[in-house]
């Protein structure tokens, strides 16, 4: 039986109440795809589409 991975909402959730931002890893990539050696894979982006949308703004 395969274990279900948490949703993005669950991975990024913060408990109610006061939050100390210094306690969070700014380089964390929860649920990001990883390569066979455990390093994060580079994420592909639709750069031309994003550039066109940015230009429209």
C-alpha atoms as a PDB file:
ATOM      1  CA  UNK A   1       0.000   0.000   0.000  1.00  0.00           C
ATOM      2  CA  UNK A   2       1.499   3.347  -1.062  1.00  0.00           C
ATOM      3  CA  UNK A   3       1.693   6.163   1.428  1.00  0.00           C
ATOM      4  CA  UNK A   4      -0.123   9.315   0.439  1.00  0.00           C
ATOM      5  CA  UNK A   5       2.053  12.399   0.313  1.00  0.00           C
ATOM      6  CA  UNK A   6       0.720  15.496   2.029  1.00  0.00           C
ATOM      7  CA  UNK A   7      -0.998  18.148  -0.036  1.00  0.00           C
ATOM      8  CA  UNK A   8       0.732  21.457  -0.706  1.00  0.00           C
ATOM      9  CA  UNK A   9      -1.725  23.089   1.688  1.00  0.00           C
ATOM     10  CA  UNK A  10      -0.690  20.668   4.451  1.00  0.00           C
ATOM     11  CA  UNK A  11       3.017  21.086   3.689  1.00  0.00           C
ATOM     12  CA  UNK A  12       2.838  24.881   3.939  1.00  0.00           C
ATOM     13  CA  UNK A  13       0.390  25.094   6.840  1.00  0.00           C
ATOM     14  CA  UNK A  14       1.369  27.076   9.922  1.00  0.00           C
ATOM     15  CA  UNK A  15      -0.109  26.389  13.341  1.00  0.00           C
ATOM     16  CA  UNK A  16      -2.509  28.959  14.742  1.00  0.00           C
ATOM     17  CA  UNK A  17      -1.030  31.507  17.107  1.00  0.00           C
ATOM     18  CA  UNK A  18       2.238  33.419  17.211  1.00  0.00           C
ATOM     19  CA  UNK A  19       4.779  32.459  14.555  1.00  0.00           C
ATOM     20  CA  UNK A  20       8.557  32.901  14.727  1.00  0.00           C
ATOM     21  CA  UNK A  21       9.676  33.280  11.113  1.00  0.00           C
ATOM     22  CA  UNK A  22      13.321  32.796  12.110  1.00  0.00           C
ATOM     23  CA  UNK A  23      12.461  29.167  12.812  1.00  0.00           C
ATOM     24  CA  UNK A  24      11.670  28.408   9.161  1.00  0.00           C
ATOM     25  CA  UNK A  25      14.222  27.325   6.576  1.00  0.00           C
ATOM     26  CA  UNK A  26      14.055  29.891   3.754  1.00  0.00           C
ATOM     27  CA  UNK A  27      15.578  27.404   1.307  1.00  0.00           C
ATOM     28  CA  UNK A  28      13.038  24.678   2.059  1.00  0.00           C
ATOM     29  CA  UNK A  29      11.213  23.172  -0.915  1.00  0.00           C
ATOM     30  CA  UNK A  30       8.455  21.011   0.539  1.00  0.00           C
ATOM     31  CA  UNK A  31       7.087  18.437  -1.877  1.00  0.00           C
ATOM     32  CA  UNK A  32       9.578  19.493  -4.563  1.00  0.00           C
ATOM     33  CA  UNK A  33      10.668  16.716  -6.905  1.00  0.00           C
ATOM     34  CA  UNK A  34      14.043  15.202  -6.075  1.00  0.00           C
ATOM     35  CA  UNK A  35      16.572  13.333  -8.194  1.00  0.00           C
ATOM     36  CA  UNK A  36      17.814   9.821  -7.462  1.00  0.00           C
ATOM     37  CA  UNK A  37      20.642  11.159  -5.288  1.00  0.00           C
ATOM     38  CA  UNK A  38      18.180  13.144  -3.144  1.00  0.00           C
ATOM     39  CA  UNK A  39      19.018  16.594  -4.489  1.00  0.00           C
ATOM     40  CA  UNK A  40      16.151  18.836  -5.648  1.00  0.00           C
ATOM     41  CA  UNK A  41      15.467  18.769  -9.385  1.00  0.00           C
ATOM     42  CA  UNK A  42      15.462  22.054 -11.251  1.00  0.00           C
ATOM     43  CA  UNK A  43      11.894  23.074 -11.905  1.00  0.00           C
ATOM     44  CA  UNK A  44      10.909  23.753 -15.493  1.00  0.00           C
ATOM     45  CA  UNK A  45       8.937  26.914 -16.132  1.00  0.00           C
ATOM     46  CA  UNK A  46       7.039  28.271 -19.070  1.00  0.00           C
ATOM     47  CA  UNK A  47       9.362  31.271 -19.374  1.00  0.00           C
ATOM     48  CA  UNK A  48       8.042  32.574 -22.676  1.00  0.00           C
ATOM     49  CA  UNK A  49       4.456  32.431 -21.434  1.00  0.00           C
ATOM     50  CA  UNK A  50       5.404  34.062 -18.135  1.00  0.00           C
ATOM     51  CA  UNK A  51       7.363  36.784 -19.933  1.00  0.00           C
ATOM     52  CA  UNK A  52       4.386  37.545 -22.162  1.00  0.00           C
ATOM     53  CA  UNK A  53       2.049  37.753 -19.189  1.00  0.00           C
ATOM     54  CA  UNK A  54       4.498  39.974 -17.304  1.00  0.00           C
ATOM     55  CA  UNK A  55       4.712  42.290 -20.324  1.00  0.00           C
ATOM     56  CA  UNK A  56       0.922  42.564 -20.389  1.00  0.00           C
ATOM     57  CA  UNK A  57       0.953  43.772 -16.778  1.00  0.00           C
END
